[in-house]
Amino acid sequence: MSGQLRNQINMTYDSAEDRIMIRATDQGKEYRAWWTRRLALRMSNLFVEQEFPTENSDSHLAPDQRQVLGDMEKQGAIQSADFDTPFEEAAIDYYPLGKDGILIQRIDVKVDGKVVKLVMLPADGEGLTLTLPPSQRYSFEHMLHQVMQAADWHLAAILPTTEATDIVTH
């Protein structure tokens, strides 16, 4: 292996747990977090319903033109994303949240300019924050939908938005 480490995000479905494992690496550290079906469905719905910033959010275009440009941007980001490179497990030497990971109970979604931050929190203890610029957010959303399809979790399922939620947007 070369001395260069690559930051990566990986999602897999664990049928025994009936949960999604999200793994994120950063400078030789791997953070692991489990999402339940309910949480994944809510995040999937949020990505569809919520208007997040795009690379062209600040442009002078009309809203419908920005939407078309955003859709093109999303498609381009997904097509150019590297989904083929295997997740580099051998390079990991430290697991700040433990090798088993944490069960996420709540996600705070924060928008800072064009960046979306997913602050994933367990019932207690340290959580995990993913900072996603538009292109990485599109890739994350795409991976989530792919793993949900593999799990046979119905993407069309819309959860009521009136009940108390475990996803907070800022």
C-alpha atoms as a PDB file:
ATOM      1  CA  MET A   1       0.000   0.000   0.000  1.00  0.00           C
ATOM      2  CA  SER A   2       1.172   3.519  -0.703  1.00  0.00           C
ATOM      3  CA  GLY A   3       1.435   6.047   2.104  1.00  0.00           C
ATOM      4  CA  GLN A   4      -1.554   7.940   0.773  1.00  0.00           C
ATOM      5  CA  LEU A   5      -4.841   7.343   2.589  1.00  0.00           C
ATOM      6  CA  ARG A   6      -8.150   8.027   0.914  1.00  0.00           C
ATOM      7  CA  ASN A   7     -11.198   9.188   2.836  1.00  0.00           C
ATOM      8  CA  GLN A   8     -14.077   6.897   1.950  1.00  0.00           C
ATOM      9  CA  ILE A   9     -17.709   6.249   2.827  1.00  0.00           C
ATOM     10  CA  ASN A  10     -19.199   2.776   2.569  1.00  0.00           C
ATOM     11  CA  MET A  11     -22.711   1.465   3.216  1.00  0.00           C
ATOM     12  CA  THR A  12     -23.735  -2.155   3.555  1.00  0.00           C
ATOM     13  CA  TYR A  13     -26.890  -3.933   4.608  1.00  0.00           C
ATOM     14  CA  ASP A  14     -26.573  -6.510   7.394  1.00  0.00           C
ATOM     15  CA  SER A  15     -29.516  -8.900   7.118  1.00  0.00           C
ATOM     16  CA  ALA A  16     -28.875 -10.440  10.553  1.00  0.00           C
ATOM     17  CA  GLU A  17     -29.150  -6.997  12.171  1.00  0.00           C
ATOM     18  CA  ASP A  18     -31.682  -5.670   9.597  1.00  0.00           C
ATOM     19  CA  ARG A  19     -29.689  -2.446   9.630  1.00  0.00           C
ATOM     20  CA  ILE A  20     -27.390  -0.428   7.426  1.00  0.00           C
ATOM     21  CA  MET A  21     -23.763  -0.076   8.478  1.00  0.00           C
ATOM     22  CA  ILE A  22     -22.204   3.224   7.463  1.00  0.00           C
ATOM     23  CA  ARG A  23     -18.427   3.267   7.539  1.00  0.00           C
ATOM     24  CA  ALA A  24     -16.434   6.455   7.027  1.00  0.00           C
ATOM     25  CA  THR A  25     -12.674   6.762   7.031  1.00  0.00           C
ATOM     26  CA  ASP A  26     -10.586   9.790   7.805  1.00  0.00           C
ATOM     27  CA  GLN A  27      -6.782   9.766   8.121  1.00  0.00           C
ATOM     28  CA  GLY A  28      -6.431   6.132   9.191  1.00  0.00           C
ATOM     29  CA  LYS A  29      -9.504   6.176  11.439  1.00  0.00           C
ATOM     30  CA  GLU A  30     -12.745   4.367  10.702  1.00  0.00           C
ATOM     31  CA  TYR A  31     -16.057   5.506  12.121  1.00  0.00           C
ATOM     32  CA  ARG A  32     -18.921   3.008  12.126  1.00  0.00           C
ATOM     33  CA  ALA A  33     -22.603   3.805  12.584  1.00  0.00           C
ATOM     34  CA  TRP A  34     -25.737   1.686  12.279  1.00  0.00           C
ATOM     35  CA  TRP A  35     -28.965   3.032  10.772  1.00  0.00           C
ATOM     36  CA  THR A  36     -32.306   1.338  11.341  1.00  0.00           C
ATOM     37  CA  ARG A  37     -34.854   0.931   8.577  1.00  0.00           C
ATOM     38  CA  ARG A  38     -36.983   3.717  10.044  1.00  0.00           C
ATOM     39  CA  LEU A  39     -34.062   6.144  10.137  1.00  0.00           C
ATOM     40  CA  ALA A  40     -32.959   5.230   6.603  1.00  0.00           C
ATOM     41  CA  LEU A  41     -36.497   5.715   5.247  1.00  0.00           C
ATOM     42  CA  ARG A  42     -36.761   9.099   6.929  1.00  0.00           C
ATOM     43  CA  MET A  43     -33.405  10.228   5.547  1.00  0.00           C
ATOM     44  CA  SER A  44     -34.346   8.968   2.098  1.00  0.00           C
ATOM     45  CA  ASN A  45     -37.599  10.922   2.266  1.00  0.00           C
ATOM     46  CA  LEU A  46     -35.746  14.000   3.509  1.00  0.00           C
ATOM     47  CA  PHE A  47     -33.374  13.890   0.537  1.00  0.00           C
ATOM     48  CA  VAL A  48     -36.430  13.854  -1.758  1.00  0.00           C
ATOM     49  CA  GLU A  49     -38.544  16.453   0.067  1.00  0.00           C
ATOM     50  CA  GLN A  50     -35.932  18.945   1.309  1.00  0.00           C
ATOM     51  CA  GLU A  51     -34.302  21.398  -1.066  1.00  0.00           C
ATOM     52  CA  PHE A  52     -30.593  21.285  -0.335  1.00  0.00           C
ATOM     53  CA  PRO A  53     -28.058  23.693  -1.856  1.00  0.00           C
ATOM     54  CA  THR A  54     -26.379  22.809  -5.127  1.00  0.00           C
ATOM     55  CA  GLU A  55     -23.219  24.138  -6.718  1.00  0.00           C
ATOM     56  CA  ASN A  56     -25.477  26.598  -8.574  1.00  0.00           C
ATOM     57  CA  SER A  57     -27.712  27.634  -5.659  1.00  0.00           C
ATOM     58  CA  ASP A  58     -26.398  31.177  -5.650  1.00  0.00           C
ATOM     59  CA  SER A  59     -26.885  31.725  -9.368  1.00  0.00           C
ATOM     60  CA  HIS A  60     -29.150  34.314 -10.924  1.00  0.00           C
ATOM     61  CA  LEU A  61     -31.322  31.637 -12.565  1.00  0.00           C
ATOM     62  CA  ALA A  62     -35.042  31.242 -11.958  1.00  0.00           C
ATOM     63  CA  PRO A  63     -36.003  28.493  -9.458  1.00  0.00           C
ATOM     64  CA  ASP A  64     -37.176  26.054 -12.142  1.00  0.00           C
ATOM     65  CA  GLN A  65     -33.928  26.591 -14.086  1.00  0.00           C
ATOM     66  CA  ARG A  66     -31.901  26.002 -10.908  1.00  0.00           C
ATOM     67  CA  GLN A  67     -33.879  22.776 -10.367  1.00  0.00           C
ATOM     68  CA  VAL A  68     -33.035  21.509 -13.862  1.00  0.00           C
ATOM     69  CA  LEU A  69     -29.393  22.514 -13.427  1.00  0.00           C
ATOM     70  CA  GLY A  70     -29.333  20.840  -9.984  1.00  0.00           C
ATOM     71  CA  ASP A  71     -30.747  17.617 -11.453  1.00  0.00           C
ATOM     72  CA  MET A  72     -28.051  17.665 -14.153  1.00  0.00           C
ATOM     73  CA  GLU A  73     -25.413  18.369 -11.510  1.00  0.00           C
ATOM     74  CA  LYS A  74     -26.652  15.419  -9.435  1.00  0.00           C
ATOM     75  CA  GLN A  75     -26.616  13.057 -12.416  1.00  0.00           C
ATOM     76  CA  GLY A  76     -23.110  14.188 -13.370  1.00  0.00           C
ATOM     77  CA  ALA A  77     -21.826  13.757  -9.802  1.00  0.00           C
ATOM     78  CA  ILE A  78     -23.230  10.231  -9.562  1.00  0.00           C
ATOM     79  CA  GLN A  79     -21.789   9.264 -12.949  1.00  0.00           C
ATOM     80  CA  SER A  80     -18.342  10.596 -12.062  1.00  0.00           C
ATOM     81  CA  ALA A  81     -18.291   9.170  -8.504  1.00  0.00           C
ATOM     82  CA  ASP A  82     -16.006   6.209  -7.868  1.00  0.00           C
ATOM     83  CA  PHE A  83     -18.258   3.399  -6.653  1.00  0.00           C
ATOM     84  CA  ASP A  84     -15.888   0.709  -7.951  1.00  0.00           C
ATOM     85  CA  THR A  85     -12.844   1.213  -5.709  1.00  0.00           C
ATOM     86  CA  PRO A  86     -13.019  -1.296  -2.863  1.00  0.00           C
ATOM     87  CA  PHE A  87     -13.284   0.037   0.659  1.00  0.00           C
ATOM     88  CA  GLU A  88      -9.726   0.049   2.087  1.00  0.00           C
ATOM     89  CA  GLU A  89      -9.941  -1.923   5.304  1.00  0.00           C
ATOM     90  CA  ALA A  90      -6.248  -2.753   5.653  1.00  0.00           C
ATOM     91  CA  ALA A  91      -5.310   0.905   6.111  1.00  0.00           C
ATOM     92  CA  ILE A  92      -7.422   1.301   9.260  1.00  0.00           C
ATOM     93  CA  ASP A  93      -5.701   1.235  12.615  1.00  0.00           C
ATOM     94  CA  TYR A  94      -8.128   3.079  14.907  1.00  0.00           C
ATOM     95  CA  TYR A  95     -11.899   2.946  15.502  1.00  0.00           C
ATOM     96  CA  PRO A  96     -12.908   6.019  17.580  1.00  0.00           C
ATOM     97  CA  LEU A  97     -16.495   4.755  17.997  1.00  0.00           C
ATOM     98  CA  GLY A  98     -15.446   1.124  18.496  1.00  0.00           C
ATOM     99  CA  LYS A  99     -15.177  -1.728  16.002  1.00  0.00           C
ATOM    100  CA  ASP A 100     -18.860  -2.588  16.465  1.00  0.00           C
ATOM    101  CA  GLY A 101     -19.968   0.992  15.788  1.00  0.00           C
ATOM    102  CA  ILE A 102     -22.810   2.937  17.337  1.00  0.00           C
ATOM    103  CA  LEU A 103     -26.574   2.724  16.854  1.00  0.00           C
ATOM    104  CA  ILE A 104     -27.806   6.079  15.596  1.00  0.00           C
ATOM    105  CA  GLN A 105     -30.919   7.382  17.353  1.00  0.00           C
ATOM    106  CA  ARG A 106     -31.106  10.886  15.863  1.00  0.00           C
ATOM    107  CA  ILE A 107     -29.686  12.825  12.941  1.00  0.00           C
ATOM    108  CA  ASP A 108     -29.366  16.596  12.949  1.00  0.00           C
ATOM    109  CA  VAL A 109     -29.091  17.947   9.412  1.00  0.00           C
ATOM    110  CA  LYS A 110     -27.322  21.284   9.194  1.00  0.00           C
ATOM    111  CA  VAL A 111     -26.701  23.384   6.102  1.00  0.00           C
ATOM    112  CA  ASP A 112     -23.606  25.577   6.055  1.00  0.00           C
ATOM    113  CA  GLY A 113     -23.408  27.386   2.728  1.00  0.00           C
ATOM    114  CA  LYS A 114     -23.435  24.639   0.113  1.00  0.00           C
ATOM    115  CA  VAL A 115     -22.316  21.964   2.567  1.00  0.00           C
ATOM    116  CA  VAL A 116     -24.735  19.625   4.339  1.00  0.00           C
ATOM    117  CA  LYS A 117     -23.646  18.190   7.682  1.00  0.00           C
ATOM    118  CA  LEU A 118     -25.232  14.992   8.939  1.00  0.00           C
ATOM    119  CA  VAL A 119     -24.724  14.922  12.705  1.00  0.00           C
ATOM    120  CA  MET A 120     -25.474  11.329  13.702  1.00  0.00           C
ATOM    121  CA  LEU A 121     -26.106  10.840  17.400  1.00  0.00           C
ATOM    122  CA  PRO A 122     -26.526   7.704  19.534  1.00  0.00           C
ATOM    123  CA  ALA A 123     -28.755   7.632  22.628  1.00  0.00           C
ATOM    124  CA  ASP A 124     -25.708   8.785  24.596  1.00  0.00           C
ATOM    125  CA  GLY A 125     -22.022   9.214  23.965  1.00  0.00           C
ATOM    126  CA  GLU A 126     -20.011  10.418  21.012  1.00  0.00           C
ATOM    127  CA  GLY A 127     -21.566  10.615  17.566  1.00  0.00           C
ATOM    128  CA  LEU A 128     -20.363  11.118  14.017  1.00  0.00           C
ATOM    129  CA  THR A 129     -20.613  14.093  11.662  1.00  0.00           C
ATOM    130  CA  LEU A 130     -20.388  13.677   7.898  1.00  0.00           C
ATOM    131  CA  THR A 131     -19.658  16.923   6.054  1.00  0.00           C
ATOM    132  CA  LEU A 132     -20.933  16.595   2.504  1.00  0.00           C
ATOM    133  CA  PRO A 133     -20.489  19.151  -0.276  1.00  0.00           C
ATOM    134  CA  PRO A 134     -23.094  18.760  -3.068  1.00  0.00           C
ATOM    135  CA  SER A 135     -21.218  16.133  -5.121  1.00  0.00           C
ATOM    136  CA  GLN A 136     -20.579  13.940  -2.060  1.00  0.00           C
ATOM    137  CA  ARG A 137     -24.141  14.443  -0.847  1.00  0.00           C
ATOM    138  CA  TYR A 138     -25.441  13.166  -4.189  1.00  0.00           C
ATOM    139  CA  SER A 139     -23.155  10.124  -3.928  1.00  0.00           C
ATOM    140  CA  PHE A 140     -24.248   9.488  -0.319  1.00  0.00           C
ATOM    141  CA  GLU A 141     -27.924   9.703  -1.321  1.00  0.00           C
ATOM    142  CA  HIS A 142     -27.288   7.362  -4.261  1.00  0.00           C
ATOM    143  CA  MET A 143     -25.491   4.822  -2.038  1.00  0.00           C
ATOM    144  CA  LEU A 144     -28.323   4.997   0.500  1.00  0.00           C
ATOM    145  CA  HIS A 145     -30.922   4.268  -2.172  1.00  0.00           C
ATOM    146  CA  GLN A 146     -28.822   1.424  -3.601  1.00  0.00           C
ATOM    147  CA  VAL A 147     -28.348  -0.288  -0.232  1.00  0.00           C
ATOM    148  CA  MET A 148     -32.031   0.212   0.637  1.00  0.00           C
ATOM    149  CA  GLN A 149     -33.013  -1.490  -2.628  1.00  0.00           C
ATOM    150  CA  ALA A 150     -30.599  -4.350  -1.882  1.00  0.00           C
ATOM    151  CA  ALA A 151     -32.232  -4.676   1.556  1.00  0.00           C
ATOM    152  CA  ASP A 152     -35.654  -4.727  -0.103  1.00  0.00           C
ATOM    153  CA  TRP A 153     -36.680  -1.718   1.927  1.00  0.00           C
ATOM    154  CA  HIS A 154     -39.367   0.093   0.007  1.00  0.00           C
ATOM    155  CA  LEU A 155     -38.168   3.517  -1.058  1.00  0.00           C
ATOM    156  CA  ALA A 156     -41.716   4.591  -1.844  1.00  0.00           C
ATOM    157  CA  ALA A 157     -42.727   4.242   1.799  1.00  0.00           C
ATOM    158  CA  ILE A 158     -43.497   7.697   3.114  1.00  0.00           C
ATOM    159  CA  LEU A 159     -43.477   8.052   6.866  1.00  0.00           C
ATOM    160  CA  PRO A 160     -45.806  10.566   8.473  1.00  0.00           C
ATOM    161  CA  THR A 161     -44.104  13.900   9.027  1.00  0.00           C
ATOM    162  CA  THR A 162     -46.460  14.946  11.813  1.00  0.00           C
ATOM    163  CA  GLU A 163     -45.099  12.521  14.421  1.00  0.00           C
ATOM    164  CA  ALA A 164     -42.103  13.354  16.603  1.00  0.00           C
ATOM    165  CA  THR A 165     -39.049  12.955  14.439  1.00  0.00           C
ATOM    166  CA  ASP A 166     -35.546  11.725  14.992  1.00  0.00           C
ATOM    167  CA  ILE A 167     -34.239  13.906  12.152  1.00  0.00           C
ATOM    168  CA  VAL A 168     -33.848  17.616  12.781  1.00  0.00           C
ATOM    169  CA  THR A 169     -33.038  20.109  10.028  1.00  0.00           C
ATOM    170  CA  HIS A 170     -31.413  23.460  10.672  1.00  0.00           C
END
